C-alpha atoms as a PDB file:
ATOM      1  CA  MET A   1      54.004 -30.404-127.536  1.00  0.00           C
ATOM      2  CA  SER A   2      55.641 -29.157-124.333  1.00  0.00           C
ATOM      3  CA  ILE A   3      55.481 -25.740-122.707  1.00  0.00           C
ATOM      4  CA  PHE A   4      59.231 -25.426-123.338  1.00  0.00           C
ATOM      5  CA  LEU A   5      58.690 -25.802-127.088  1.00  0.00           C
ATOM      6  CA  ILE A   6      55.938 -23.173-127.054  1.00  0.00           C
ATOM      7  CA  ILE A   7      58.060 -20.685-125.121  1.00  0.00           C
ATOM      8  CA  GLY A   8      61.024 -21.374-127.390  1.00  0.00           C
ATOM      9  CA  THR A   9      58.911 -20.753-130.502  1.00  0.00           C
ATOM     10  CA  LEU A  10      57.642 -17.466-129.074  1.00  0.00           C
ATOM     11  CA  GLY A  11      61.252 -16.570-128.246  1.00  0.00           C
ATOM     12  CA  LEU A  12      62.224 -17.123-131.886  1.00  0.00           C
ATOM     13  CA  LEU A  13      59.473 -14.784-133.087  1.00  0.00           C
ATOM     14  CA  THR A  14      60.048 -11.965-130.624  1.00  0.00           C
ATOM     15  CA  GLY A  15      63.834 -12.277-130.767  1.00  0.00           C
ATOM     16  CA  PHE A  16      63.760 -11.953-134.548  1.00  0.00           C
ATOM     17  CA  LEU A  17      61.550  -8.845-134.369  1.00  0.00           C
ATOM     18  CA  SER A  18      63.821  -7.360-131.698  1.00  0.00           C
ATOM     19  CA  GLY A  19      66.889  -7.701-133.886  1.00  0.00           C
ATOM     20  CA  LEU A  20      65.091  -6.610-137.051  1.00  0.00           C
ATOM     21  CA  LEU A  21      63.416  -3.502-135.625  1.00  0.00           C
ATOM     22  CA  GLY A  22      65.592  -2.623-132.625  1.00  0.00           C
ATOM     23  CA  ILE A  23      62.773  -2.998-130.075  1.00  0.00           C
ATOM     24  CA  GLY A  24      62.944  -4.905-126.810  1.00  0.00           C
ATOM     25  CA  GLY A  25      59.979  -7.068-127.807  1.00  0.00           C
ATOM     26  CA  GLY A  26      58.403  -7.302-124.372  1.00  0.00           C
ATOM     27  CA  ILE A  27      55.209  -5.597-125.540  1.00  0.00           C
ATOM     28  CA  ILE A  28      54.805  -8.496-128.003  1.00  0.00           C
ATOM     29  CA  MET A  29      56.137 -11.316-125.828  1.00  0.00           C
ATOM     30  CA  ALA A  30      53.869 -10.659-122.836  1.00  0.00           C
ATOM     31  CA  PRO A  31      50.485 -11.129-124.588  1.00  0.00           C
ATOM     32  CA  LEU A  32      51.826 -14.143-126.502  1.00  0.00           C
ATOM     33  CA  LEU A  33      52.878 -15.821-123.250  1.00  0.00           C
ATOM     34  CA  LEU A  34      49.515 -15.017-121.698  1.00  0.00           C
ATOM     35  CA  TYR A  35      47.275 -16.261-124.517  1.00  0.00           C
ATOM     36  CA  VAL A  36      49.107 -18.860-126.629  1.00  0.00           C
ATOM     37  CA  PRO A  37      49.614 -21.626-123.999  1.00  0.00           C
ATOM     38  CA  PRO A  38      45.873 -21.746-123.060  1.00  0.00           C
ATOM     39  CA  LEU A  39      44.952 -21.881-126.759  1.00  0.00           C
ATOM     40  CA  LEU A  40      47.106 -25.011-127.045  1.00  0.00           C
ATOM     41  CA  GLY A  41      45.598 -26.692-123.993  1.00  0.00           C
ATOM     42  CA  PHE A  42      48.087 -25.665-121.310  1.00  0.00           C
ATOM     43  CA  GLU A  43      47.367 -23.983-118.002  1.00  0.00           C
ATOM     44  CA  PRO A  44      47.671 -20.172-118.238  1.00  0.00           C
ATOM     45  CA  LEU A  45      51.013 -18.855-116.998  1.00  0.00           C
ATOM     46  CA  PRO A  46      50.704 -16.594-113.920  1.00  0.00           C
ATOM     47  CA  MET A  47      51.206 -12.901-114.681  1.00  0.00           C
ATOM     48  CA  GLN A  48      54.241 -12.792-112.374  1.00  0.00           C
ATOM     49  CA  THR A  49      55.861 -15.615-114.353  1.00  0.00           C
ATOM     50  CA  VAL A  50      55.041 -13.903-117.652  1.00  0.00           C
ATOM     51  CA  ALA A  51      56.568 -10.636-116.436  1.00  0.00           C
ATOM     52  CA  GLY A  52      59.751 -12.430-115.367  1.00  0.00           C
ATOM     53  CA  LEU A  53      60.110 -14.281-118.674  1.00  0.00           C
ATOM     54  CA  THR A  54      59.405 -11.087-120.631  1.00  0.00           C
ATOM     55  CA  ILE A  55      62.237  -9.289-118.837  1.00  0.00           C
ATOM     56  CA  VAL A  56      64.635 -12.146-119.634  1.00  0.00           C
ATOM     57  CA  GLN A  57      63.558 -12.029-123.291  1.00  0.00           C
ATOM     58  CA  GLY A  58      64.084  -8.263-123.419  1.00  0.00           C
ATOM     59  CA  LEU A  59      67.511  -8.376-121.754  1.00  0.00           C
ATOM     60  CA  THR A  60      68.711 -11.193-124.021  1.00  0.00           C
ATOM     61  CA  ALA A  61      67.467  -9.379-127.133  1.00  0.00           C
ATOM     62  CA  CYS A  62      69.150  -6.135-126.049  1.00  0.00           C
ATOM     63  CA  ILE A  63      72.507  -7.873-125.735  1.00  0.00           C
ATOM     64  CA  SER A  64      72.367 -10.054-128.864  1.00  0.00           C
ATOM     65  CA  GLY A  65      70.691  -7.556-131.199  1.00  0.00           C
ATOM     66  CA  GLY A  66      72.638  -4.575-129.865  1.00  0.00           C
ATOM     67  CA  LEU A  67      76.024  -6.234-130.372  1.00  0.00           C
ATOM     68  CA  THR A  68      75.087  -7.248-133.915  1.00  0.00           C
ATOM     69  CA  HIS A  69      73.957  -3.733-134.887  1.00  0.00           C
ATOM     70  CA  ARG A  70      77.176  -2.388-133.373  1.00  0.00           C
ATOM     71  CA  LYS A  71      79.158  -4.683-135.661  1.00  0.00           C
ATOM     72  CA  PHE A  72      77.475  -2.974-138.621  1.00  0.00           C
ATOM     73  CA  HIS A  73      78.383   0.481-137.199  1.00  0.00           C
ATOM     74  CA  PHE A  74      74.729   1.456-136.741  1.00  0.00           C
ATOM     75  CA  LEU A  75      75.105   1.970-132.975  1.00  0.00           C
ATOM     76  CA  SER A  76      75.988   5.474-131.784  1.00  0.00           C
ATOM     77  CA  SER A  77      77.777   5.366-128.412  1.00  0.00           C
ATOM     78  CA  THR A  78      77.170   9.091-127.898  1.00  0.00           C
ATOM     79  CA  LEU A  79      73.436   8.750-128.503  1.00  0.00           C
ATOM     80  CA  VAL A  80      73.295   5.714-126.202  1.00  0.00           C
ATOM     81  CA  GLY A  81      75.126   7.603-123.471  1.00  0.00           C
ATOM     82  CA  TRP A  82      72.840  10.624-123.487  1.00  0.00           C
ATOM     83  CA  MET A  83      69.553   8.778-123.866  1.00  0.00           C
ATOM     84  CA  GLY A  84      70.345   5.546-121.989  1.00  0.00           C
ATOM     85  CA  VAL A  85      71.375   7.200-118.717  1.00  0.00           C
ATOM     86  CA  THR A  86      68.441   9.631-118.879  1.00  0.00           C
ATOM     87  CA  LEU A  87      65.982   6.795-119.569  1.00  0.00           C
ATOM     88  CA  PHE A  88      67.342   4.776-116.652  1.00  0.00           C
ATOM     89  CA  ILE A  89      66.963   7.668-114.185  1.00  0.00           C
ATOM     90  CA  THR A  90      63.518   8.795-115.340  1.00  0.00           C
ATOM     91  CA  SER A  91      62.171   5.208-115.548  1.00  0.00           C
ATOM     92  CA  PHE A  92      63.236   4.733-111.938  1.00  0.00           C
ATOM     93  CA  ILE A  93      61.524   7.982-110.891  1.00  0.00           C
ATOM     94  CA  GLY A  94      58.403   7.031-112.844  1.00  0.00           C
ATOM     95  CA  GLY A  95      58.324   3.591-111.245  1.00  0.00           C
ATOM     96  CA  MET A  96      58.630   5.115-107.785  1.00  0.00           C
ATOM     97  CA  SER A  97      55.792   7.541-108.568  1.00  0.00           C
ATOM     98  CA  ALA A  98      53.402   4.924-109.935  1.00  0.00           C
ATOM     99  CA  GLY A  99      51.435   4.667-106.694  1.00  0.00           C
ATOM    100  CA  TYR A 100      50.278   8.266-107.028  1.00  0.00           C
ATOM    101  CA  ALA A 101      48.753   7.945-110.502  1.00  0.00           C
ATOM    102  CA  ASP A 102      45.693   6.390-112.116  1.00  0.00           C
ATOM    103  CA  ASN A 103      47.266   3.507-114.018  1.00  0.00           C
ATOM    104  CA  ARG A 104      44.429   3.021-116.527  1.00  0.00           C
ATOM    105  CA  GLN A 105      44.365   6.660-117.547  1.00  0.00           C
ATOM    106  CA  LEU A 106      48.132   6.661-117.935  1.00  0.00           C
ATOM    107  CA  LEU A 107      48.016   3.500-120.047  1.00  0.00           C
ATOM    108  CA  LEU A 108      45.567   5.272-122.373  1.00  0.00           C
ATOM    109  CA  VAL A 109      47.932   8.242-122.607  1.00  0.00           C
ATOM    110  CA  PHE A 110      50.768   5.839-123.362  1.00  0.00           C
ATOM    111  CA  ALA A 111      48.690   4.099-126.045  1.00  0.00           C
ATOM    112  CA  VAL A 112      47.850   7.427-127.693  1.00  0.00           C
ATOM    113  CA  MET A 113      51.556   8.365-127.631  1.00  0.00           C
ATOM    114  CA  ALA A 114      52.377   5.063-129.328  1.00  0.00           C
ATOM    115  CA  LEU A 115      49.712   5.565-132.034  1.00  0.00           C
ATOM    116  CA  ILE A 116      51.076   9.032-132.765  1.00  0.00           C
ATOM    117  CA  ALA A 117      54.571   7.538-132.903  1.00  0.00           C
ATOM    118  CA  ALA A 118      53.368   4.891-135.380  1.00  0.00           C
ATOM    119  CA  LEU A 119      51.890   7.612-137.578  1.00  0.00           C
ATOM    120  CA  LEU A 120      55.094   9.652-137.428  1.00  0.00           C
ATOM    121  CA  ILE A 121      57.286   6.734-138.481  1.00  0.00           C
ATOM    122  CA  VAL A 122      55.270   5.942-141.622  1.00  0.00           C
ATOM    123  CA  LEU A 123      54.722   9.535-142.796  1.00  0.00           C
ATOM    124  CA  PRO A 124      56.772  10.373-145.904  1.00  0.00           C
ATOM    125  CA  LYS A 125      60.026  12.152-145.104  1.00  0.00           C
ATOM    126  CA  LYS A 126      63.144  13.327-146.853  1.00  0.00           C
ATOM    127  CA  LYS A 127      65.073  10.488-148.477  1.00  0.00           C
ATOM    128  CA  GLU A 128      67.583   8.995-146.047  1.00  0.00           C
ATOM    129  CA  VAL A 129      71.046   7.668-146.705  1.00  0.00           C
ATOM    130  CA  GLU A 130      70.658   3.873-146.715  1.00  0.00           C
ATOM    131  CA  TYR A 131      73.805   3.172-144.674  1.00  0.00           C
ATOM    132  CA  PRO A 132      74.692   6.177-142.476  1.00  0.00           C
ATOM    133  CA  GLU A 133      77.816   6.226-140.322  1.00  0.00           C
ATOM    134  CA  ALA A 134      77.057   6.295-136.587  1.00  0.00           C
ATOM    135  CA  ALA A 135      80.568   7.503-135.727  1.00  0.00           C
ATOM    136  CA  GLY A 136      79.951  10.989-137.124  1.00  0.00           C
ATOM    137  CA  LEU A 137      76.353  11.327-135.927  1.00  0.00           C
ATOM    138  CA  SER A 138      75.265  14.871-135.112  1.00  0.00           C
ATOM    139  CA  PHE A 139      72.090  15.343-133.067  1.00  0.00           C
ATOM    140  CA  SER A 140      70.494  17.689-130.537  1.00  0.00           C
ATOM    141  CA  ARG A 141      71.465  16.606-127.008  1.00  0.00           C
ATOM    142  CA  ARG A 142      68.631  18.673-125.585  1.00  0.00           C
ATOM    143  CA  ARG A 143      66.025  16.935-127.739  1.00  0.00           C
ATOM    144  CA  ALA A 144      67.507  13.501-127.038  1.00  0.00           C
ATOM    145  CA  VAL A 145      67.322  14.069-123.259  1.00  0.00           C
ATOM    146  CA  LEU A 146      63.785  15.479-123.510  1.00  0.00           C
ATOM    147  CA  VAL A 147      62.536  12.429-125.462  1.00  0.00           C
ATOM    148  CA  SER A 148      64.112   9.890-123.110  1.00  0.00           C
ATOM    149  CA  THR A 149      62.862  11.843-120.072  1.00  0.00           C
ATOM    150  CA  ILE A 150      59.235  11.803-121.233  1.00  0.00           C
ATOM    151  CA  VAL A 151      59.221   8.194-122.460  1.00  0.00           C
ATOM    152  CA  GLY A 152      61.181   6.956-119.454  1.00  0.00           C
ATOM    153  CA  PHE A 153      58.968   8.675-116.896  1.00  0.00           C
ATOM    154  CA  PHE A 154      55.662   7.631-118.468  1.00  0.00           C
ATOM    155  CA  GLY A 155      57.006   4.132-119.133  1.00  0.00           C
ATOM    156  CA  GLY A 156      58.059   3.805-115.498  1.00  0.00           C
ATOM    157  CA  LEU A 157      54.635   4.979-114.352  1.00  0.00           C
ATOM    158  CA  VAL A 158      52.738   2.341-116.338  1.00  0.00           C
ATOM    159  CA  GLY A 159      55.304  -0.477-116.225  1.00  0.00           C
ATOM    160  CA  GLN A 160      56.218  -0.340-119.934  1.00  0.00           C
ATOM    161  CA  GLY A 161      59.712  -0.091-121.381  1.00  0.00           C
ATOM    162  CA  GLY A 162      58.639   2.306-124.103  1.00  0.00           C
ATOM    163  CA  SER A 163      61.369   1.297-126.558  1.00  0.00           C
ATOM    164  CA  PHE A 164      58.754   1.055-129.313  1.00  0.00           C
ATOM    165  CA  ILE A 165      58.038   4.788-128.913  1.00  0.00           C
ATOM    166  CA  LEU A 166      61.671   5.894-128.728  1.00  0.00           C
ATOM    167  CA  ILE A 167      62.581   5.038-132.324  1.00  0.00           C
ATOM    168  CA  PRO A 168      59.874   7.184-134.025  1.00  0.00           C
ATOM    169  CA  LEU A 169      60.680  10.108-131.723  1.00  0.00           C
ATOM    170  CA  MET A 170      64.389   9.707-132.428  1.00  0.00           C
ATOM    171  CA  THR A 171      63.849   9.746-136.183  1.00  0.00           C
ATOM    172  CA  THR A 172      61.303  12.592-136.317  1.00  0.00           C
ATOM    173  CA  TYR A 173      62.233  14.895-133.410  1.00  0.00           C
ATOM    174  CA  VAL A 174      65.890  14.163-132.631  1.00  0.00           C
ATOM    175  CA  LYS A 175      66.570  13.782-136.403  1.00  0.00           C
ATOM    176  CA  VAL A 176      68.486  10.506-136.112  1.00  0.00           C
ATOM    177  CA  PRO A 177      68.654   8.300-139.252  1.00  0.00           C
ATOM    178  CA  THR A 178      66.337   5.295-139.002  1.00  0.00           C
ATOM    179  CA  ARG A 179      69.087   2.655-139.149  1.00  0.00           C
ATOM    180  CA  ILE A 180      71.051   4.338-136.348  1.00  0.00           C
ATOM    181  CA  ALA A 181      67.872   4.761-134.262  1.00  0.00           C
ATOM    182  CA  ILE A 182      67.109   1.040-134.688  1.00  0.00           C
ATOM    183  CA  GLY A 183      70.727   0.035-134.056  1.00  0.00           C
ATOM    184  CA  SER A 184      71.103   2.209-130.942  1.00  0.00           C
ATOM    185  CA  ASN A 185      67.699   1.636-129.333  1.00  0.00           C
ATOM    186  CA  LEU A 186      68.439  -1.809-127.881  1.00  0.00           C
ATOM    187  CA  ALA A 187      71.560  -0.447-126.176  1.00  0.00           C
ATOM    188  CA  ILE A 188      69.618   2.592-124.922  1.00  0.00           C
ATOM    189  CA  VAL A 189      66.985   0.469-123.172  1.00  0.00           C
ATOM    190  CA  PHE A 190      69.560  -2.032-121.893  1.00  0.00           C
ATOM    191  CA  LEU A 191      70.147  -0.233-118.579  1.00  0.00           C
ATOM    192  CA  SER A 192      66.464   0.052-117.670  1.00  0.00           C
ATOM    193  CA  THR A 193      65.873  -3.566-118.726  1.00  0.00           C
ATOM    194  CA  LEU A 194      68.847  -4.709-116.650  1.00  0.00           C
ATOM    195  CA  ALA A 195      67.520  -2.849-113.608  1.00  0.00           C
ATOM    196  CA  ALA A 196      64.116  -4.524-113.975  1.00  0.00           C
ATOM    197  CA  PHE A 197      65.777  -7.922-114.463  1.00  0.00           C
ATOM    198  CA  LEU A 198      67.866  -7.565-111.297  1.00  0.00           C
ATOM    199  CA  GLY A 199      64.823  -6.452-109.318  1.00  0.00           C
ATOM    200  CA  LYS A 200      62.829  -9.512-110.374  1.00  0.00           C
ATOM    201  CA  ALA A 201      65.757 -11.926-110.049  1.00  0.00           C
ATOM    202  CA  LEU A 202      66.641 -10.796-106.512  1.00  0.00           C
ATOM    203  CA  THR A 203      63.021 -11.096-105.367  1.00  0.00           C
ATOM    204  CA  GLY A 204      62.427 -14.580-106.813  1.00  0.00           C
ATOM    205  CA  GLN A 205      60.037 -13.518-109.582  1.00  0.00           C
ATOM    206  CA  ILE A 206      61.769 -15.470-112.383  1.00  0.00           C
ATOM    207  CA  VAL A 207      61.112 -19.162-113.091  1.00  0.00           C
ATOM    208  CA  TRP A 208      64.632 -19.986-114.231  1.00  0.00           C
ATOM    209  CA  MET A 209      63.794 -23.330-115.834  1.00  0.00           C
ATOM    210  CA  LEU A 210      61.397 -21.611-118.260  1.00  0.00           C
ATOM    211  CA  THR A 211      64.056 -19.068-119.269  1.00  0.00           C
ATOM    212  CA  VAL A 212      66.212 -21.767-120.909  1.00  0.00           C
ATOM    213  CA  PRO A 213      64.197 -21.949-124.184  1.00  0.00           C
ATOM    214  CA  ILE A 214      63.995 -18.148-124.273  1.00  0.00           C
ATOM    215  CA  VAL A 215      67.746 -17.602-124.048  1.00  0.00           C
ATOM    216  CA  ALA A 216      68.422 -20.499-126.432  1.00  0.00           C
ATOM    217  CA  THR A 217      66.145 -19.053-129.133  1.00  0.00           C
ATOM    218  CA  VAL A 218      66.265 -15.273-128.649  1.00  0.00           C
ATOM    219  CA  VAL A 219      70.061 -15.042-129.054  1.00  0.00           C
ATOM    220  CA  PRO A 220      70.246 -16.564-132.561  1.00  0.00           C
ATOM    221  CA  ALA A 221      66.892 -15.056-133.612  1.00  0.00           C
ATOM    222  CA  ALA A 222      67.946 -11.509-132.640  1.00  0.00           C
ATOM    223  CA  PHE A 223      71.259 -12.047-134.440  1.00  0.00           C
ATOM    224  CA  LEU A 224      69.404 -13.195-137.558  1.00  0.00           C
ATOM    225  CA  GLY A 225      66.928 -10.304-137.375  1.00  0.00           C
ATOM    226  CA  ALA A 226      69.704  -7.730-137.023  1.00  0.00           C
ATOM    227  CA  ASN A 227      71.576  -9.208-139.991  1.00  0.00           C
ATOM    228  CA  LEU A 228      68.422  -9.150-142.113  1.00  0.00           C
ATOM    229  CA  SER A 229      67.680  -5.570-141.018  1.00  0.00           C
ATOM    230  CA  LYS A 230      70.853  -4.413-142.769  1.00  0.00           C
ATOM    231  CA  ARG A 231      69.587  -5.836-146.069  1.00  0.00           C
ATOM    232  CA  ILE A 232      66.036  -4.402-145.979  1.00  0.00           C
ATOM    233  CA  PRO A 233      65.470  -0.933-147.502  1.00  0.00           C
ATOM    234  CA  VAL A 234      65.074   1.691-144.810  1.00  0.00           C
ATOM    235  CA  ASP A 235      61.604   2.762-146.068  1.00  0.00           C
ATOM    236  CA  THR A 236      60.383  -0.835-145.712  1.00  0.00           C
ATOM    237  CA  LEU A 237      61.807  -1.033-142.192  1.00  0.00           C
ATOM    238  CA  ARG A 238      59.875   2.114-141.267  1.00  0.00           C
ATOM    239  CA  ILE A 239      56.594   0.609-142.490  1.00  0.00           C
ATOM    240  CA  ILE A 240      57.148  -2.686-140.609  1.00  0.00           C
ATOM    241  CA  LEU A 241      58.109  -0.747-137.492  1.00  0.00           C
ATOM    242  CA  GLY A 242      55.021   1.472-137.778  1.00  0.00           C
ATOM    243  CA  ILE A 243      52.730  -1.563-137.991  1.00  0.00           C
ATOM    244  CA  CYS A 244      54.342  -3.191-134.942  1.00  0.00           C
ATOM    245  CA  ILE A 245      54.121   0.044-132.943  1.00  0.00           C
ATOM    246  CA  ALA A 246      50.440   0.443-133.845  1.00  0.00           C
ATOM    247  CA  LEU A 247      49.727  -3.132-132.723  1.00  0.00           C
ATOM    248  CA  ALA A 248      51.618  -2.482-129.489  1.00  0.00           C
ATOM    249  CA  ALA A 249      49.574   0.666-128.925  1.00  0.00           C
ATOM    250  CA  CYS A 250      46.352  -1.313-129.367  1.00  0.00           C
ATOM    251  CA  ARG A 251      47.633  -3.893-126.876  1.00  0.00           C
ATOM    252  CA  VAL A 252      48.337  -1.185-124.276  1.00  0.00           C
ATOM    253  CA  GLY A 253      44.971   0.449-124.984  1.00  0.00           C
ATOM    254  CA  PHE A 254      43.128  -2.837-124.487  1.00  0.00           C
ATOM    255  CA  SER A 255      44.900  -3.242-121.143  1.00  0.00           C
ATOM    256  CA  ALA A 256      43.792   0.223-120.123  1.00  0.00           C
ATOM    257  CA  LEU A 257      40.192  -0.626-120.979  1.00  0.00           C
ATOM    258  CA  GLY A 258      40.347  -3.953-119.148  1.00  0.00           C
ATOM    259  CA  LEU A 259      39.981  -5.944-122.379  1.00  0.00           C
ATOM    260  CA  ALA A 260      43.369  -7.695-122.195  1.00  0.00           C
END
């Protein structure tokens, strides 16, 4: 077994989850890249390499999954405009401010936010329309900007995209239907992911040869996940999403405690 096959297999898994649940997948891809190769007898990948590959995975998933959800009319351009631009600006400010904060304490705050978000997404709520129309979406601009400001700033501070927190906050606080939140989220985080990708690419932090199996597998896997997402009942999607968010929160919490 080669390292390319391992990375490609991990790309299939995370790409599928990205398309299915509308998350970037980096919070899942990073620990897999860190721990799976050594378990299979390979040298551990340097953290810088892992970070570069994770960004490529996230960017590829955003494009492939986002375009597929748009085809199903679950992507709201208005929601993306308000939240995407805000997230980009506040993530940049948070990243610039990171040197003035205690990273471990902030990671714990971020983990607690994610656990709360996981709880919110699985709590019973009023029955949703299975296939809402994104074109006529009505939502509070003020709440949408507030959510993306908080998540973007804290995410920038601790070096996390935060897309896994955005969806629960969109569905519970901004009152966006789950399918539209999932369909729009990849496009919302696209700008911040693109900025991170350009930063790493221009400073030589990406091992381009290792990105080949990621791009080759994430594109079809995200497409498949997004297509399957349309066929899964929305209540089931919320439960799967809640589980993944809770696992991501544990991962961030372990990092904060120096256990991962």
